[in-house]
Amino acid sequence: MQKRIFAIDDDPFALQLIVAVLQAEGYDVLPFSDFEALLQAARQQLPDLVLTDVVMPKVTGFEVCRKIKDAFFPSRLLKNGLFSRERS
C-alpha cells in the first residue's frame, strides 16, 4: 500500500517539484495550495505525512501542524492516556 503524503505550499512551482519527486519515489502525493482544502481532505482520510512550507501568506507551516494536531490528535486524549496508570 502506498504511503499518502499531503504537500502544501503557496508556490506552484515548488509544489509541482515536490509532487514530481515524491511520486517518482512511489508515494501517493496530494498537493494543496490552501489549508482549508487540506483539512477537508484530511477529514476524509488522514495522510501518513504532511509536508508543509513554513512561510505562506494565509497560514504558516507551524500553524498547519498545530491545527492538524488540534483537529485530529487532541492533547486531552494524550494526557488522559499518560496519567491513567497513576490514578489506578
N, C-alpha and C. Protein backbone atom coordinates (compact mmCIF):
# COMPACT_ATOMS: atom_id res chain seq x y z
N MET A 1 0.84 -1.19 0.00
CA MET A 1 0.00 0.00 0.00
C MET A 1 0.88 1.25 0.00
N GLN A 2 0.58 2.17 -0.89
CA GLN A 2 1.35 3.40 -0.99
C GLN A 2 1.12 4.29 0.22
N LYS A 3 2.16 4.92 0.68
CA LYS A 3 2.04 5.91 1.75
C LYS A 3 1.50 7.19 1.13
N ARG A 4 0.54 7.81 1.83
CA ARG A 4 -0.09 9.04 1.35
C ARG A 4 0.56 10.25 2.01
N ILE A 5 0.94 11.21 1.17
CA ILE A 5 1.56 12.44 1.64
C ILE A 5 0.73 13.62 1.15
N PHE A 6 0.40 14.53 2.06
CA PHE A 6 -0.21 15.80 1.69
C PHE A 6 0.91 16.84 1.66
N ALA A 7 1.01 17.56 0.56
CA ALA A 7 2.01 18.62 0.44
C ALA A 7 1.28 19.94 0.27
N ILE A 8 1.67 20.93 1.08
CA ILE A 8 1.05 22.25 0.99
C ILE A 8 2.13 23.30 0.82
N ASP A 9 1.92 24.16 -0.19
CA ASP A 9 2.86 25.23 -0.49
C ASP A 9 2.13 26.29 -1.30
N ASP A 10 2.45 27.55 -1.09
CA ASP A 10 1.82 28.61 -1.85
C ASP A 10 2.53 28.86 -3.18
N ASP A 11 3.71 28.27 -3.37
CA ASP A 11 4.48 28.42 -4.60
C ASP A 11 4.15 27.24 -5.53
N PRO A 12 3.44 27.49 -6.63
CA PRO A 12 3.03 26.39 -7.51
C PRO A 12 4.20 25.60 -8.08
N PHE A 13 5.31 26.28 -8.39
CA PHE A 13 6.47 25.57 -8.93
C PHE A 13 7.08 24.64 -7.89
N ALA A 14 7.24 25.12 -6.66
CA ALA A 14 7.79 24.28 -5.59
C ALA A 14 6.87 23.09 -5.32
N LEU A 15 5.57 23.33 -5.33
CA LEU A 15 4.61 22.26 -5.10
C LEU A 15 4.68 21.22 -6.21
N GLN A 16 4.78 21.66 -7.44
CA GLN A 16 4.89 20.75 -8.58
C GLN A 16 6.17 19.91 -8.48
N LEU A 17 7.26 20.52 -8.07
CA LEU A 17 8.54 19.82 -7.91
C LEU A 17 8.45 18.77 -6.80
N ILE A 18 7.88 19.15 -5.67
CA ILE A 18 7.71 18.22 -4.54
C ILE A 18 6.89 17.01 -4.97
N VAL A 19 5.79 17.26 -5.65
CA VAL A 19 4.91 16.17 -6.10
C VAL A 19 5.67 15.24 -7.06
N ALA A 20 6.38 15.82 -8.02
CA ALA A 20 7.09 15.01 -9.01
C ALA A 20 8.15 14.12 -8.36
N VAL A 21 8.91 14.69 -7.44
CA VAL A 21 9.98 13.93 -6.79
C VAL A 21 9.41 12.80 -5.93
N LEU A 22 8.38 13.11 -5.14
CA LEU A 22 7.82 12.09 -4.26
C LEU A 22 7.05 11.01 -5.02
N GLN A 23 6.34 11.39 -6.08
CA GLN A 23 5.65 10.39 -6.88
C GLN A 23 6.65 9.46 -7.58
N ALA A 24 7.78 10.00 -8.00
CA ALA A 24 8.82 9.18 -8.63
C ALA A 24 9.37 8.15 -7.64
N GLU A 25 9.28 8.45 -6.35
CA GLU A 25 9.73 7.51 -5.31
C GLU A 25 8.62 6.55 -4.88
N GLY A 26 7.44 6.67 -5.51
CA GLY A 26 6.37 5.72 -5.24
C GLY A 26 5.33 6.15 -4.21
N TYR A 27 5.35 7.42 -3.82
CA TYR A 27 4.37 7.91 -2.84
C TYR A 27 3.12 8.43 -3.54
N ASP A 28 1.99 8.34 -2.86
CA ASP A 28 0.74 8.92 -3.30
C ASP A 28 0.71 10.33 -2.72
N VAL A 29 0.89 11.33 -3.57
CA VAL A 29 1.03 12.72 -3.10
C VAL A 29 -0.16 13.54 -3.56
N LEU A 30 -0.79 14.21 -2.60
CA LEU A 30 -1.87 15.13 -2.92
C LEU A 30 -1.39 16.55 -2.64
N PRO A 31 -1.36 17.41 -3.67
CA PRO A 31 -0.89 18.78 -3.48
C PRO A 31 -2.02 19.73 -3.06
N PHE A 32 -1.66 20.69 -2.22
CA PHE A 32 -2.62 21.70 -1.77
C PHE A 32 -1.94 23.06 -1.75
N SER A 33 -2.69 24.08 -2.15
CA SER A 33 -2.20 25.45 -2.01
C SER A 33 -3.03 26.19 -0.96
N ASP A 34 -4.04 25.51 -0.43
CA ASP A 34 -4.95 26.11 0.53
C ASP A 34 -5.12 25.18 1.73
N PHE A 35 -4.97 25.72 2.93
CA PHE A 35 -5.06 24.88 4.13
C PHE A 35 -6.45 24.30 4.34
N GLU A 36 -7.49 25.05 4.06
CA GLU A 36 -8.84 24.55 4.27
C GLU A 36 -9.12 23.32 3.39
N ALA A 37 -8.61 23.31 2.18
CA ALA A 37 -8.78 22.15 1.30
C ALA A 37 -8.02 20.95 1.86
N LEU A 38 -6.82 21.19 2.40
CA LEU A 38 -6.05 20.11 3.02
C LEU A 38 -6.79 19.55 4.22
N LEU A 39 -7.33 20.41 5.04
CA LEU A 39 -8.05 19.97 6.24
C LEU A 39 -9.29 19.15 5.86
N GLN A 40 -9.99 19.57 4.83
CA GLN A 40 -11.16 18.83 4.36
C GLN A 40 -10.76 17.44 3.87
N ALA A 41 -9.67 17.35 3.13
CA ALA A 41 -9.18 16.05 2.64
C ALA A 41 -8.73 15.17 3.79
N ALA A 42 -8.12 15.77 4.81
CA ALA A 42 -7.66 15.00 5.98
C ALA A 42 -8.85 14.44 6.75
N ARG A 43 -9.97 15.13 6.73
CA ARG A 43 -11.18 14.61 7.39
C ARG A 43 -11.68 13.34 6.69
N GLN A 44 -11.42 13.24 5.41
CA GLN A 44 -11.82 12.06 4.64
C GLN A 44 -10.85 10.90 4.88
N GLN A 45 -9.57 11.21 4.87
CA GLN A 45 -8.55 10.18 5.11
C GLN A 45 -7.26 10.88 5.55
N LEU A 46 -6.81 10.53 6.76
CA LEU A 46 -5.58 11.12 7.27
C LEU A 46 -4.39 10.65 6.45
N PRO A 47 -3.48 11.57 6.14
CA PRO A 47 -2.27 11.16 5.42
C PRO A 47 -1.26 10.52 6.37
N ASP A 48 -0.27 9.88 5.80
CA ASP A 48 0.83 9.35 6.60
C ASP A 48 1.81 10.46 6.97
N LEU A 49 1.83 11.52 6.14
CA LEU A 49 2.76 12.63 6.36
C LEU A 49 2.17 13.90 5.75
N VAL A 50 2.39 15.03 6.41
CA VAL A 50 2.05 16.33 5.84
C VAL A 50 3.36 17.09 5.68
N LEU A 51 3.66 17.46 4.46
CA LEU A 51 4.86 18.22 4.14
C LEU A 51 4.42 19.65 3.87
N THR A 52 4.90 20.59 4.68
CA THR A 52 4.41 21.96 4.58
C THR A 52 5.53 22.98 4.43
N ASP A 53 5.23 24.01 3.66
CA ASP A 53 6.08 25.19 3.59
C ASP A 53 5.92 25.92 4.92
N VAL A 54 6.95 26.57 5.39
CA VAL A 54 6.84 27.29 6.65
C VAL A 54 6.26 28.68 6.44
N VAL A 55 6.68 29.37 5.39
CA VAL A 55 6.23 30.74 5.15
C VAL A 55 5.21 30.76 4.02
N MET A 56 3.94 30.97 4.42
CA MET A 56 2.85 31.10 3.44
C MET A 56 2.01 32.30 3.86
N PRO A 57 1.28 32.92 2.92
CA PRO A 57 0.57 34.16 3.24
C PRO A 57 -0.60 34.02 4.21
N LYS A 58 -1.41 32.97 4.11
CA LYS A 58 -2.61 32.87 4.95
C LYS A 58 -2.37 32.12 6.25
N VAL A 59 -1.50 31.15 6.22
CA VAL A 59 -1.23 30.32 7.40
C VAL A 59 0.22 29.84 7.31
N THR A 60 0.93 29.86 8.44
CA THR A 60 2.31 29.37 8.42
C THR A 60 2.34 27.85 8.53
N GLY A 61 3.46 27.28 8.19
CA GLY A 61 3.62 25.84 8.33
C GLY A 61 3.47 25.38 9.76
N PHE A 62 3.90 26.22 10.70
CA PHE A 62 3.75 25.88 12.12
C PHE A 62 2.27 25.85 12.51
N GLU A 63 1.50 26.79 11.97
CA GLU A 63 0.06 26.80 12.24
C GLU A 63 -0.63 25.60 11.61
N VAL A 64 -0.17 25.19 10.43
CA VAL A 64 -0.72 24.00 9.78
C VAL A 64 -0.55 22.80 10.71
N CYS A 65 0.66 22.62 11.23
CA CYS A 65 0.93 21.49 12.13
C CYS A 65 0.07 21.56 13.39
N ARG A 66 -0.01 22.74 13.97
CA ARG A 66 -0.80 22.89 15.19
C ARG A 66 -2.28 22.62 14.96
N LYS A 67 -2.81 23.15 13.86
CA LYS A 67 -4.23 22.96 13.57
C LYS A 67 -4.56 21.51 13.26
N ILE A 68 -3.68 20.81 12.58
CA ILE A 68 -3.91 19.39 12.31
C ILE A 68 -3.86 18.61 13.62
N LYS A 69 -2.89 18.92 14.46
CA LYS A 69 -2.78 18.25 15.76
C LYS A 69 -4.04 18.49 16.58
N ASP A 70 -4.48 19.74 16.65
CA ASP A 70 -5.67 20.08 17.43
C ASP A 70 -6.93 19.41 16.89
N ALA A 71 -7.02 19.30 15.57
CA ALA A 71 -8.22 18.74 14.95
C ALA A 71 -8.29 17.22 15.07
N PHE A 72 -7.14 16.57 14.98
CA PHE A 72 -7.16 15.11 14.90
C PHE A 72 -6.49 14.38 16.06
N PHE A 73 -5.68 15.09 16.82
CA PHE A 73 -4.97 14.47 17.93
C PHE A 73 -5.03 15.37 19.15
N PRO A 74 -6.21 15.54 19.73
CA PRO A 74 -6.34 16.47 20.86
C PRO A 74 -5.45 16.06 22.04
N SER A 75 -4.80 17.05 22.61
CA SER A 75 -3.86 16.78 23.71
C SER A 75 -4.56 16.19 24.93
N ARG A 76 -5.83 16.50 25.12
CA ARG A 76 -6.55 15.97 26.26
C ARG A 76 -6.57 14.44 26.24
N LEU A 77 -6.74 13.87 25.07
CA LEU A 77 -6.73 12.42 24.96
C LEU A 77 -5.36 11.85 25.33
N LEU A 78 -4.31 12.51 24.91
CA LEU A 78 -2.97 12.07 25.22
C LEU A 78 -2.72 12.18 26.72
N LYS A 79 -3.13 13.26 27.33
CA LYS A 79 -2.93 13.43 28.77
C LYS A 79 -3.69 12.36 29.55
N ASN A 80 -4.90 12.06 29.14
CA ASN A 80 -5.66 11.01 29.82
C ASN A 80 -4.93 9.68 29.75
N GLY A 81 -4.36 9.38 28.61
CA GLY A 81 -3.62 8.13 28.45
C GLY A 81 -2.35 8.11 29.28
N LEU A 82 -1.69 9.25 29.38
CA LEU A 82 -0.44 9.31 30.13
C LEU A 82 -0.63 9.16 31.62
N PHE A 83 -1.73 9.69 32.13
CA PHE A 83 -1.92 9.69 33.58
C PHE A 83 -2.86 8.61 34.07
N SER A 84 -3.38 7.79 33.18
CA SER A 84 -4.37 6.79 33.60
C SER A 84 -3.78 5.76 34.57
N ARG A 85 -2.50 5.40 34.46
CA ARG A 85 -1.90 4.43 35.36
C ARG A 85 -1.70 4.99 36.77
N GLU A 86 -1.38 6.28 36.83
CA GLU A 86 -1.13 6.90 38.13
C GLU A 86 -2.39 6.95 38.98
N ARG A 87 -3.53 7.08 38.37
CA ARG A 87 -4.77 7.23 39.10
C ARG A 87 -5.38 5.89 39.49
N SER A 88 -4.92 4.81 38.93
CA SER A 88 -5.50 3.49 39.21
C SER A 88 -5.12 3.02 40.59
